[in-house]
């Protein structure tokens, strides 16, 4: 009887040893799944370049991930291409976007092509837009603040059909445009709400 008990114990132990690697593998896989970073919504301030190489890359991430709180894209001094910023999924205060110069000086950051904004709430601050077409266009915005920025038609560009700032849509309830310089465009400012 003792011999049978020992044999049974050995069989049980072999079974435990055979199962143990599978259990360890399952535990490791579970930990990896928990540890992998999730695609979280954006919130806070992001540097361009730094966190994102371009405004287009930042806008694509905002579009793909959405925002859980207000988002700011802060440009380091330099010249950058514009981009289209579409509406994004948001929770809480995540419907507001600010695009600005990290130095708070419009002379330090120039956007060299059009920026189109399709979200609901935007602040543009301390940027220079120097383009050969319409510099900034927005639609369906319910809150728009543009301040301390420069909108300038590029040298040698034809002003025909161009706008410095163009807005249209169902919003416009909270619109503030102050302390800006707009020059060279056929139409400096057009807001149709």
N, C-alpha and C. Protein backbone atom coordinates (compact mmCIF):
# COMPACT_ATOMS: atom_id res chain seq x y z
N UNK A 1 0.83 -1.19 0.00
CA UNK A 1 0.00 0.00 0.00
C UNK A 1 0.87 1.25 0.00
N UNK A 2 1.97 1.19 0.79
CA UNK A 2 2.86 2.34 0.83
C UNK A 2 3.50 2.57 -0.52
N UNK A 3 3.85 1.44 -1.18
CA UNK A 3 4.47 1.54 -2.50
C UNK A 3 3.49 2.16 -3.51
N UNK A 4 2.22 1.78 -3.45
CA UNK A 4 1.22 2.36 -4.34
C UNK A 4 1.03 3.85 -4.08
N UNK A 5 1.09 4.22 -2.80
CA UNK A 5 0.95 5.64 -2.45
C UNK A 5 2.12 6.44 -3.01
N UNK A 6 3.34 5.90 -2.92
CA UNK A 6 4.53 6.57 -3.45
C UNK A 6 4.41 6.71 -4.97
N UNK A 7 3.99 5.63 -5.64
CA UNK A 7 3.83 5.68 -7.11
C UNK A 7 2.77 6.72 -7.50
N UNK A 8 1.68 6.75 -6.76
CA UNK A 8 0.62 7.72 -7.05
C UNK A 8 1.15 9.15 -6.86
N UNK A 9 1.93 9.34 -5.80
CA UNK A 9 2.52 10.65 -5.54
C UNK A 9 3.45 11.07 -6.68
N UNK A 10 4.26 10.14 -7.18
CA UNK A 10 5.17 10.43 -8.30
C UNK A 10 4.38 10.81 -9.54
N UNK A 11 3.30 10.06 -9.84
CA UNK A 11 2.47 10.37 -11.01
C UNK A 11 1.85 11.77 -10.86
N UNK A 12 1.35 12.06 -9.66
CA UNK A 12 0.76 13.38 -9.42
C UNK A 12 1.80 14.49 -9.58
N UNK A 13 2.99 14.22 -9.08
CA UNK A 13 4.06 15.22 -9.18
C UNK A 13 4.46 15.46 -10.63
N UNK A 14 4.56 14.35 -11.42
CA UNK A 14 4.88 14.50 -12.85
C UNK A 14 3.81 15.31 -13.56
N UNK A 15 2.57 15.08 -13.21
CA UNK A 15 1.47 15.82 -13.82
C UNK A 15 1.58 17.31 -13.47
N UNK A 16 1.93 17.60 -12.18
CA UNK A 16 2.11 19.00 -11.78
C UNK A 16 3.24 19.64 -12.56
N UNK A 17 4.34 18.91 -12.71
CA UNK A 17 5.50 19.44 -13.43
C UNK A 17 5.15 19.67 -14.89
N UNK A 18 4.37 18.78 -15.49
CA UNK A 18 3.98 18.94 -16.90
C UNK A 18 3.03 20.12 -17.07
N UNK A 19 2.18 20.37 -16.09
CA UNK A 19 1.21 21.45 -16.18
C UNK A 19 1.87 22.79 -15.84
N UNK A 20 2.84 22.79 -14.98
CA UNK A 20 3.46 24.02 -14.50
C UNK A 20 3.94 24.94 -15.62
N UNK A 21 4.66 24.44 -16.66
CA UNK A 21 5.08 25.35 -17.73
C UNK A 21 3.89 26.01 -18.44
N UNK A 22 2.80 25.27 -18.61
CA UNK A 22 1.61 25.85 -19.25
C UNK A 22 1.01 26.95 -18.39
N UNK A 23 0.97 26.71 -17.08
CA UNK A 23 0.43 27.71 -16.18
C UNK A 23 1.34 28.94 -16.17
N UNK A 24 2.66 28.71 -16.14
CA UNK A 24 3.58 29.84 -16.17
C UNK A 24 3.43 30.64 -17.47
N UNK A 25 3.30 29.93 -18.60
CA UNK A 25 3.14 30.61 -19.88
C UNK A 25 1.85 31.43 -19.88
N UNK A 26 0.78 30.87 -19.37
CA UNK A 26 -0.48 31.61 -19.32
C UNK A 26 -0.36 32.83 -18.41
N UNK A 27 0.34 32.69 -17.30
CA UNK A 27 0.53 33.82 -16.39
C UNK A 27 1.36 34.92 -17.04
N UNK A 28 2.42 34.55 -17.75
CA UNK A 28 3.25 35.53 -18.43
C UNK A 28 2.45 36.25 -19.52
N UNK A 29 1.67 35.51 -20.29
CA UNK A 29 0.85 36.14 -21.33
C UNK A 29 -0.16 37.10 -20.72
N UNK A 30 -0.77 36.72 -19.62
CA UNK A 30 -1.73 37.59 -18.96
C UNK A 30 -1.05 38.88 -18.49
N UNK A 31 0.12 38.76 -17.91
CA UNK A 31 0.85 39.95 -17.47
C UNK A 31 1.22 40.85 -18.64
N UNK A 32 1.63 40.27 -19.74
CA UNK A 32 1.97 41.06 -20.92
C UNK A 32 0.76 41.84 -21.43
N UNK A 33 -0.37 41.19 -21.45
CA UNK A 33 -1.58 41.86 -21.93
C UNK A 33 -1.95 43.03 -21.03
N UNK A 34 -1.78 42.86 -19.74
CA UNK A 34 -2.09 43.93 -18.81
C UNK A 34 -1.06 45.05 -18.94
N UNK A 35 0.19 44.71 -19.18
CA UNK A 35 1.27 45.69 -19.21
C UNK A 35 1.35 46.46 -20.52
N UNK A 36 0.78 45.95 -21.60
CA UNK A 36 0.87 46.64 -22.88
C UNK A 36 0.12 47.97 -22.80
N UNK A 37 0.70 49.04 -23.33
CA UNK A 37 0.03 50.33 -23.25
C UNK A 37 -1.23 50.35 -24.10
N UNK A 38 -2.27 50.89 -23.55
CA UNK A 38 -3.52 51.03 -24.29
C UNK A 38 -3.46 52.32 -25.09
N UNK A 39 -4.28 52.43 -26.08
CA UNK A 39 -4.35 53.62 -26.90
C UNK A 39 -5.27 54.61 -26.19
N UNK A 40 -4.72 55.38 -25.26
CA UNK A 40 -5.51 56.29 -24.43
C UNK A 40 -5.84 57.56 -25.19
N UNK A 41 -6.94 58.18 -24.77
CA UNK A 41 -7.29 59.45 -25.36
C UNK A 41 -6.26 60.50 -24.96
N UNK A 42 -6.10 61.50 -25.82
CA UNK A 42 -5.14 62.56 -25.55
C UNK A 42 -5.68 63.50 -24.47
N UNK A 43 -4.77 64.12 -23.74
CA UNK A 43 -5.09 65.12 -22.74
C UNK A 43 -3.80 65.85 -22.40
N UNK A 44 -3.87 67.18 -22.31
CA UNK A 44 -2.69 67.94 -21.92
C UNK A 44 -1.98 68.57 -23.10
N UNK A 45 -0.70 68.89 -22.89
CA UNK A 45 0.09 69.61 -23.89
C UNK A 45 1.07 68.68 -24.59
N UNK A 46 1.16 68.81 -25.89
CA UNK A 46 2.04 67.99 -26.73
C UNK A 46 2.93 68.92 -27.56
N UNK A 47 4.21 68.61 -27.59
CA UNK A 47 5.19 69.44 -28.31
C UNK A 47 5.30 69.00 -29.77
N UNK A 48 5.40 70.01 -30.65
CA UNK A 48 5.68 69.79 -32.07
C UNK A 48 6.89 70.62 -32.41
N UNK A 49 8.02 70.06 -32.81
CA UNK A 49 8.31 68.63 -32.78
C UNK A 49 8.63 68.20 -31.35
N UNK A 50 8.69 66.92 -31.17
CA UNK A 50 8.91 66.34 -29.84
C UNK A 50 7.96 65.18 -29.70
N UNK A 51 6.78 65.46 -29.16
CA UNK A 51 5.77 64.41 -29.06
C UNK A 51 5.27 64.01 -30.44
N UNK A 52 5.18 64.97 -31.34
CA UNK A 52 4.77 64.73 -32.73
C UNK A 52 5.72 65.50 -33.65
N UNK A 53 6.04 64.90 -34.79
CA UNK A 53 6.94 65.55 -35.73
C UNK A 53 6.25 66.69 -36.48
N UNK A 54 4.95 66.54 -36.73
CA UNK A 54 4.22 67.52 -37.53
C UNK A 54 2.82 67.74 -36.96
N UNK A 55 2.19 68.82 -37.37
CA UNK A 55 0.79 69.05 -37.01
C UNK A 55 -0.09 67.95 -37.58
N UNK A 56 0.20 67.49 -38.79
CA UNK A 56 -0.59 66.42 -39.40
C UNK A 56 -0.54 65.14 -38.57
N UNK A 57 0.63 64.79 -38.04
CA UNK A 57 0.76 63.59 -37.20
C UNK A 57 -0.03 63.76 -35.90
N UNK A 58 0.05 64.94 -35.30
CA UNK A 58 -0.70 65.21 -34.07
C UNK A 58 -2.20 65.15 -34.33
N UNK A 59 -2.64 65.74 -35.44
CA UNK A 59 -4.06 65.73 -35.79
C UNK A 59 -4.56 64.31 -36.06
N UNK A 60 -3.73 63.49 -36.70
CA UNK A 60 -4.12 62.10 -36.98
C UNK A 60 -4.29 61.32 -35.69
N UNK A 61 -3.40 61.54 -34.72
CA UNK A 61 -3.51 60.87 -33.43
C UNK A 61 -4.76 61.34 -32.68
N UNK A 62 -5.02 62.63 -32.71
CA UNK A 62 -6.21 63.18 -32.06
C UNK A 62 -7.46 62.57 -32.69
N UNK A 63 -7.47 62.47 -34.01
CA UNK A 63 -8.61 61.89 -34.72
C UNK A 63 -8.78 60.41 -34.36
N UNK A 64 -7.68 59.67 -34.29
CA UNK A 64 -7.74 58.23 -34.01
C UNK A 64 -8.08 57.92 -32.56
N UNK A 65 -7.53 58.70 -31.62
CA UNK A 65 -7.68 58.38 -30.20
C UNK A 65 -8.73 59.21 -29.47
N UNK A 66 -9.02 60.39 -29.98
CA UNK A 66 -9.93 61.27 -29.27
C UNK A 66 -9.23 61.96 -28.12
N UNK A 67 -10.00 62.66 -27.29
CA UNK A 67 -9.43 63.40 -26.17
C UNK A 67 -10.33 63.28 -24.94
N UNK A 68 -9.69 63.16 -23.77
CA UNK A 68 -10.44 63.06 -22.52
C UNK A 68 -10.39 64.37 -21.74
N UNK A 69 -9.57 65.30 -22.17
CA UNK A 69 -9.47 66.62 -21.56
C UNK A 69 -8.95 67.57 -22.64
N UNK A 70 -8.88 68.84 -22.32
CA UNK A 70 -8.39 69.83 -23.28
C UNK A 70 -6.99 69.43 -23.77
N UNK A 71 -6.73 69.69 -25.06
CA UNK A 71 -5.46 69.34 -25.68
C UNK A 71 -4.82 70.60 -26.24
N UNK A 72 -3.49 70.71 -26.07
CA UNK A 72 -2.73 71.82 -26.64
C UNK A 72 -1.61 71.24 -27.49
N UNK A 73 -1.49 71.73 -28.72
CA UNK A 73 -0.34 71.42 -29.57
C UNK A 73 0.53 72.69 -29.57
N UNK A 74 1.70 72.59 -28.94
CA UNK A 74 2.60 73.73 -28.80
C UNK A 74 3.79 73.57 -29.74
N UNK A 75 3.95 74.52 -30.65
CA UNK A 75 5.02 74.47 -31.65
C UNK A 75 6.30 75.10 -31.12
N UNK A 76 7.41 74.42 -31.30
CA UNK A 76 8.72 75.02 -31.06
C UNK A 76 9.00 75.99 -32.21
N UNK A 77 9.91 76.94 -32.03
CA UNK A 77 10.22 77.87 -33.12
C UNK A 77 10.58 77.14 -34.41
N UNK A 78 10.05 77.64 -35.54
CA UNK A 78 10.33 77.05 -36.84
C UNK A 78 9.17 77.24 -37.80
N UNK A 79 9.29 76.63 -38.97
CA UNK A 79 8.26 76.68 -40.00
C UNK A 79 7.67 75.29 -40.15
N UNK A 80 6.34 75.21 -40.29
CA UNK A 80 5.64 73.93 -40.33
C UNK A 80 4.55 73.98 -41.39
N UNK A 81 4.23 72.81 -41.93
CA UNK A 81 3.09 72.69 -42.84
C UNK A 81 1.81 72.70 -42.02
N UNK A 82 0.75 73.21 -42.63
CA UNK A 82 -0.56 73.16 -42.01
C UNK A 82 -1.12 71.75 -42.08
N UNK A 83 -2.39 71.59 -41.73
CA UNK A 83 -3.01 70.26 -41.73
C UNK A 83 -4.51 70.43 -41.62
N UNK A 84 -5.20 69.33 -41.83
CA UNK A 84 -6.64 69.27 -41.57
C UNK A 84 -6.84 68.60 -40.23
N UNK A 85 -7.59 69.25 -39.37
CA UNK A 85 -7.89 68.71 -38.05
C UNK A 85 -9.39 68.43 -38.03
N UNK A 86 -9.74 67.15 -38.13
CA UNK A 86 -11.14 66.76 -38.16
C UNK A 86 -11.72 66.69 -36.75
N UNK A 87 -13.04 66.62 -36.66
CA UNK A 87 -13.69 66.42 -35.37
C UNK A 87 -13.22 65.10 -34.78
N UNK A 88 -13.16 65.01 -33.47
CA UNK A 88 -12.67 63.80 -32.80
C UNK A 88 -13.62 63.43 -31.69
N UNK A 89 -13.55 62.17 -31.27
CA UNK A 89 -14.35 61.70 -30.14
C UNK A 89 -13.79 62.32 -28.87
N UNK A 90 -14.68 62.78 -27.99
CA UNK A 90 -14.20 63.39 -26.76
C UNK A 90 -15.08 63.03 -25.59
N UNK A 91 -14.47 63.07 -24.42
CA UNK A 91 -15.20 62.90 -23.17
C UNK A 91 -14.79 64.04 -22.25
N UNK A 92 -15.63 64.39 -21.31
CA UNK A 92 -15.29 65.47 -20.38
C UNK A 92 -15.05 66.77 -21.11
N UNK A 93 -13.90 67.37 -20.88
CA UNK A 93 -13.55 68.64 -21.52
C UNK A 93 -12.69 68.41 -22.75
N UNK A 94 -12.71 67.21 -23.30
CA UNK A 94 -11.85 66.84 -24.41
C UNK A 94 -12.24 67.40 -25.76
N UNK A 95 -13.20 68.32 -25.80
CA UNK A 95 -13.60 68.86 -27.10
C UNK A 95 -12.85 70.14 -27.43
N UNK A 96 -11.93 70.60 -26.58
CA UNK A 96 -11.22 71.85 -26.85
C UNK A 96 -9.76 71.60 -27.25
N UNK A 97 -9.35 72.27 -28.33
CA UNK A 97 -7.98 72.19 -28.83
C UNK A 97 -7.39 73.59 -28.88
N UNK A 98 -6.15 73.71 -28.44
CA UNK A 98 -5.39 74.95 -28.58
C UNK A 98 -4.18 74.65 -29.44
N UNK A 99 -3.94 75.47 -30.46
CA UNK A 99 -2.67 75.38 -31.20
C UNK A 99 -1.96 76.71 -30.97
N UNK A 100 -0.70 76.61 -30.57
CA UNK A 100 0.01 77.81 -30.13
C UNK A 100 1.52 77.66 -30.30
N UNK A 101 2.21 78.77 -30.14
CA UNK A 101 3.68 78.79 -30.11
C UNK A 101 4.12 78.48 -28.68
N UNK A 102 5.13 77.66 -28.53
CA UNK A 102 5.63 77.35 -27.19
C UNK A 102 6.32 78.55 -26.55
N UNK A 103 6.68 79.56 -27.36
CA UNK A 103 7.36 80.74 -26.83
C UNK A 103 6.42 81.92 -26.60
N UNK A 104 5.16 81.77 -26.96
CA UNK A 104 4.17 82.84 -26.85
C UNK A 104 4.52 84.03 -27.74
N UNK A 105 5.24 83.79 -28.83
CA UNK A 105 5.63 84.84 -29.78
C UNK A 105 5.30 84.37 -31.19
N UNK A 106 4.35 85.04 -31.84
CA UNK A 106 3.92 84.65 -33.18
C UNK A 106 5.06 84.67 -34.19
N UNK A 107 6.06 85.50 -33.98
CA UNK A 107 7.17 85.59 -34.92
C UNK A 107 8.03 84.33 -34.92
N UNK A 108 7.92 83.50 -33.90
CA UNK A 108 8.76 82.31 -33.79
C UNK A 108 8.24 81.10 -34.56
N UNK A 109 6.94 81.06 -34.87
CA UNK A 109 6.33 79.88 -35.51
C UNK A 109 5.54 80.31 -36.73
N UNK A 110 5.87 79.72 -37.87
CA UNK A 110 5.15 80.02 -39.11
C UNK A 110 4.54 78.75 -39.68
N UNK A 111 3.24 78.79 -39.93
CA UNK A 111 2.56 77.71 -40.64
C UNK A 111 2.50 78.12 -42.10
N UNK A 112 3.07 77.28 -42.98
CA UNK A 112 3.27 77.67 -44.37
C UNK A 112 2.20 77.16 -45.32
N UNK A 113 1.23 76.44 -44.81
CA UNK A 113 0.10 76.01 -45.65
C UNK A 113 -1.17 76.02 -44.81
N UNK A 114 -2.26 75.91 -45.47
CA UNK A 114 -3.59 76.06 -44.88
C UNK A 114 -3.82 75.12 -43.70
N UNK A 115 -4.55 75.63 -42.70
CA UNK A 115 -5.04 74.82 -41.59
C UNK A 115 -6.55 74.80 -41.69
N UNK A 116 -7.13 73.61 -41.76
CA UNK A 116 -8.58 73.43 -41.77
C UNK A 116 -8.98 72.77 -40.46
N UNK A 117 -9.96 73.37 -39.78
CA UNK A 117 -10.39 72.85 -38.49
C UNK A 117 -11.86 72.46 -38.54
N UNK A 118 -12.15 71.23 -38.16
CA UNK A 118 -13.53 70.74 -38.18
C UNK A 118 -14.06 70.33 -36.83
N UNK A 119 -13.35 70.64 -35.75
CA UNK A 119 -13.80 70.28 -34.40
C UNK A 119 -14.80 71.28 -33.86
N UNK A 120 -15.07 71.21 -32.56
CA UNK A 120 -16.09 72.07 -31.98
C UNK A 120 -15.55 73.26 -31.21
N UNK A 121 -14.32 73.19 -30.71
CA UNK A 121 -13.82 74.27 -29.87
C UNK A 121 -12.32 74.44 -30.10
N UNK A 122 -11.91 75.64 -30.49
CA UNK A 122 -10.51 75.87 -30.88
C UNK A 122 -10.04 77.23 -30.39
N UNK A 123 -8.79 77.24 -29.91
CA UNK A 123 -8.07 78.48 -29.65
C UNK A 123 -6.80 78.46 -30.50
N UNK A 124 -6.58 79.52 -31.27
CA UNK A 124 -5.34 79.72 -32.04
C UNK A 124 -4.66 80.92 -31.39
N UNK A 125 -3.40 80.73 -30.98
CA UNK A 125 -2.72 81.80 -30.26
C UNK A 125 -1.25 81.85 -30.64
N UNK A 126 -0.75 83.06 -30.88
CA UNK A 126 0.69 83.31 -31.06
C UNK A 126 1.31 82.52 -32.20
N UNK A 127 0.64 82.50 -33.35
CA UNK A 127 1.16 81.82 -34.54
C UNK A 127 1.16 82.76 -35.73
N UNK A 128 2.06 82.51 -36.68
CA UNK A 128 2.04 83.22 -37.96
C UNK A 128 1.62 82.23 -39.04
N UNK A 129 0.66 82.63 -39.83
CA UNK A 129 0.22 81.84 -40.99
C UNK A 129 0.68 82.62 -42.22
N UNK A 130 1.57 82.03 -43.00
CA UNK A 130 2.04 82.69 -44.22
C UNK A 130 1.86 81.70 -45.36
N UNK A 131 0.79 81.90 -46.11
CA UNK A 131 0.40 80.93 -47.12
C UNK A 131 0.12 81.60 -48.46
N UNK A 132 0.04 80.79 -49.49
CA UNK A 132 -0.29 81.33 -50.82
C UNK A 132 -1.77 81.09 -51.15
N UNK A 133 -2.51 80.51 -50.22
CA UNK A 133 -3.96 80.30 -50.36
C UNK A 133 -4.61 80.77 -49.06
N UNK A 134 -5.86 80.42 -48.86
CA UNK A 134 -6.52 80.72 -47.59
C UNK A 134 -5.68 80.15 -46.45
N UNK A 135 -5.47 80.97 -45.42
CA UNK A 135 -4.57 80.56 -44.34
C UNK A 135 -5.25 79.64 -43.32
N UNK A 136 -6.47 80.00 -42.90
CA UNK A 136 -7.14 79.26 -41.85
C UNK A 136 -8.62 79.19 -42.17
N UNK A 137 -9.18 77.99 -42.10
CA UNK A 137 -10.61 77.81 -42.35
C UNK A 137 -11.19 76.90 -41.28
N UNK A 138 -12.40 77.20 -40.86
CA UNK A 138 -13.07 76.38 -39.86
C UNK A 138 -14.54 76.24 -40.21
N UNK A 139 -15.10 75.12 -39.79
CA UNK A 139 -16.54 74.89 -39.97
C UNK A 139 -17.06 74.16 -38.75
N UNK A 140 -18.33 74.33 -38.48
CA UNK A 140 -19.04 73.69 -37.37
C UNK A 140 -18.42 73.95 -36.01
N UNK A 141 -17.68 75.02 -35.85
CA UNK A 141 -17.06 75.35 -34.58
C UNK A 141 -18.05 76.10 -33.69
N UNK A 142 -18.20 75.66 -32.44
CA UNK A 142 -19.08 76.37 -31.51
C UNK A 142 -18.31 77.35 -30.64
N UNK A 143 -17.02 77.18 -30.53
CA UNK A 143 -16.18 78.11 -29.77
C UNK A 143 -14.89 78.33 -30.54
N UNK A 144 -14.63 79.58 -30.92
CA UNK A 144 -13.44 79.91 -31.69
C UNK A 144 -12.79 81.16 -31.09
N UNK A 145 -11.54 81.01 -30.68
CA UNK A 145 -10.76 82.14 -30.18
C UNK A 145 -9.48 82.19 -31.02
N UNK A 146 -9.26 83.35 -31.65
CA UNK A 146 -8.02 83.57 -32.42
C UNK A 146 -7.42 84.85 -31.88
N UNK A 147 -6.21 84.75 -31.32
CA UNK A 147 -5.62 85.94 -30.73
C UNK A 147 -4.11 85.98 -30.90
N UNK A 148 -3.62 87.20 -31.01
CA UNK A 148 -2.18 87.48 -31.07
C UNK A 148 -1.48 86.69 -32.17
N UNK A 149 -2.14 86.55 -33.32
CA UNK A 149 -1.57 85.79 -34.43
C UNK A 149 -1.48 86.68 -35.67
N UNK A 150 -0.67 86.24 -36.63
CA UNK A 150 -0.46 86.98 -37.87
C UNK A 150 -0.90 86.09 -39.03
N UNK A 151 -1.71 86.65 -39.92
CA UNK A 151 -2.17 85.95 -41.12
C UNK A 151 -1.70 86.78 -42.30
N UNK A 152 -0.79 86.21 -43.09
CA UNK A 152 -0.14 86.98 -44.14
C UNK A 152 -0.09 86.15 -45.42
N UNK A 153 -0.49 86.77 -46.55
CA UNK A 153 -0.37 86.10 -47.84
C UNK A 153 1.11 86.07 -48.22
N UNK A 154 1.58 84.93 -48.67
CA UNK A 154 3.00 84.77 -49.03
C UNK A 154 3.37 85.73 -50.16
N UNK A 155 4.60 86.18 -50.14
CA UNK A 155 5.10 87.09 -51.17
C UNK A 155 4.96 86.46 -52.55
N UNK A 156 4.44 87.23 -53.51
CA UNK A 156 4.29 86.76 -54.89
C UNK A 156 3.02 85.97 -55.14
N UNK A 157 2.24 85.65 -54.09
CA UNK A 157 1.00 84.89 -54.28
C UNK A 157 -0.13 85.81 -54.71
N UNK A 158 -1.00 85.31 -55.55
CA UNK A 158 -2.16 86.09 -55.99
C UNK A 158 -3.22 86.09 -54.89
N UNK A 159 -3.75 87.25 -54.55
CA UNK A 159 -4.76 87.31 -53.51
C UNK A 159 -6.15 86.84 -53.98
N UNK A 160 -6.32 86.63 -55.25
CA UNK A 160 -7.63 86.28 -55.80
C UNK A 160 -8.19 85.02 -55.13
N UNK A 161 -9.36 85.16 -54.53
CA UNK A 161 -10.05 84.02 -53.92
C UNK A 161 -9.48 83.55 -52.58
N UNK A 162 -8.62 84.34 -51.96
CA UNK A 162 -8.00 83.92 -50.70
C UNK A 162 -8.64 84.62 -49.50
N UNK A 163 -8.56 83.94 -48.37
CA UNK A 163 -9.06 84.46 -47.10
C UNK A 163 -7.96 84.32 -46.06
N UNK A 164 -7.85 85.32 -45.20
CA UNK A 164 -6.95 85.17 -44.06
C UNK A 164 -7.57 84.20 -43.07
N UNK A 165 -8.80 84.50 -42.65
CA UNK A 165 -9.55 83.66 -41.72
C UNK A 165 -10.94 83.47 -42.31
N UNK A 166 -11.35 82.23 -42.47
CA UNK A 166 -12.65 81.92 -43.05
C UNK A 166 -13.38 80.95 -42.14
N UNK A 167 -14.58 81.30 -41.73
CA UNK A 167 -15.35 80.43 -40.86
C UNK A 167 -16.78 80.30 -41.34
N UNK A 168 -17.33 79.12 -41.20
CA UNK A 168 -18.72 78.89 -41.54
C UNK A 168 -19.23 77.70 -40.74
N UNK A 169 -20.53 77.60 -40.63
CA UNK A 169 -21.09 76.46 -39.93
C UNK A 169 -22.22 76.87 -39.02
N UNK A 170 -22.54 75.98 -38.10
CA UNK A 170 -23.69 76.20 -37.21
C UNK A 170 -23.27 76.80 -35.88
N UNK A 171 -21.98 76.99 -35.67
CA UNK A 171 -21.50 77.45 -34.36
C UNK A 171 -21.38 78.95 -34.29
N UNK A 172 -20.30 79.40 -33.76
CA UNK A 172 -20.03 80.82 -33.66
C UNK A 172 -20.55 81.46 -32.40
N UNK A 173 -21.16 80.70 -31.50
CA UNK A 173 -21.72 81.28 -30.28
C UNK A 173 -20.64 81.93 -29.43
N UNK A 174 -19.48 81.34 -29.37
CA UNK A 174 -18.38 81.87 -28.57
C UNK A 174 -17.21 82.18 -29.49
N UNK A 175 -17.27 83.31 -30.18
CA UNK A 175 -16.21 83.68 -31.12
C UNK A 175 -15.54 84.95 -30.63
N UNK A 176 -14.22 84.88 -30.53
CA UNK A 176 -13.43 86.03 -30.13
C UNK A 176 -12.19 86.08 -31.02
N UNK A 177 -12.07 87.17 -31.77
CA UNK A 177 -10.91 87.36 -32.65
C UNK A 177 -10.33 88.71 -32.28
N UNK A 178 -9.14 88.68 -31.65
CA UNK A 178 -8.59 89.94 -31.15
C UNK A 178 -7.06 89.93 -31.19
N UNK A 179 -6.52 91.12 -31.44
CA UNK A 179 -5.08 91.30 -31.41
C UNK A 179 -4.33 90.61 -32.53
N UNK A 180 -4.98 90.43 -33.68
CA UNK A 180 -4.36 89.74 -34.82
C UNK A 180 -4.00 90.74 -35.91
N UNK A 181 -3.13 90.31 -36.80
CA UNK A 181 -2.77 91.08 -37.98
C UNK A 181 -3.11 90.22 -39.20
N UNK A 182 -3.89 90.77 -40.13
CA UNK A 182 -4.25 90.05 -41.34
C UNK A 182 -3.91 90.94 -42.53
N UNK A 183 -3.09 90.41 -43.48
CA UNK A 183 -2.70 91.25 -44.61
C UNK A 183 -2.48 90.45 -45.89
N UNK A 184 -2.81 91.11 -47.02
CA UNK A 184 -2.52 90.57 -48.34
C UNK A 184 -3.61 89.73 -48.97
N UNK A 185 -4.55 89.23 -48.22
CA UNK A 185 -5.60 88.35 -48.75
C UNK A 185 -6.70 89.17 -49.43
N UNK A 186 -7.43 88.53 -50.33
CA UNK A 186 -8.56 89.22 -50.94
C UNK A 186 -9.59 89.57 -49.86
N UNK A 187 -9.86 88.63 -48.96
CA UNK A 187 -10.76 88.86 -47.83
C UNK A 187 -9.98 88.54 -46.56
N UNK A 188 -9.90 89.49 -45.68
CA UNK A 188 -9.15 89.29 -44.44
C UNK A 188 -9.87 88.37 -43.47
N UNK A 189 -11.19 88.61 -43.27
CA UNK A 189 -11.97 87.85 -42.31
C UNK A 189 -13.37 87.63 -42.84
N UNK A 190 -13.81 86.38 -42.85
CA UNK A 190 -15.17 86.05 -43.26
C UNK A 190 -15.72 84.99 -42.33
N UNK A 191 -16.74 85.36 -41.55
CA UNK A 191 -17.40 84.41 -40.64
C UNK A 191 -18.87 84.37 -40.98
N UNK A 192 -19.34 83.23 -41.41
CA UNK A 192 -20.76 83.05 -41.77
C UNK A 192 -21.34 81.97 -40.87
N UNK A 193 -22.02 82.39 -39.83
CA UNK A 193 -22.63 81.44 -38.89
C UNK A 193 -24.12 81.64 -38.85
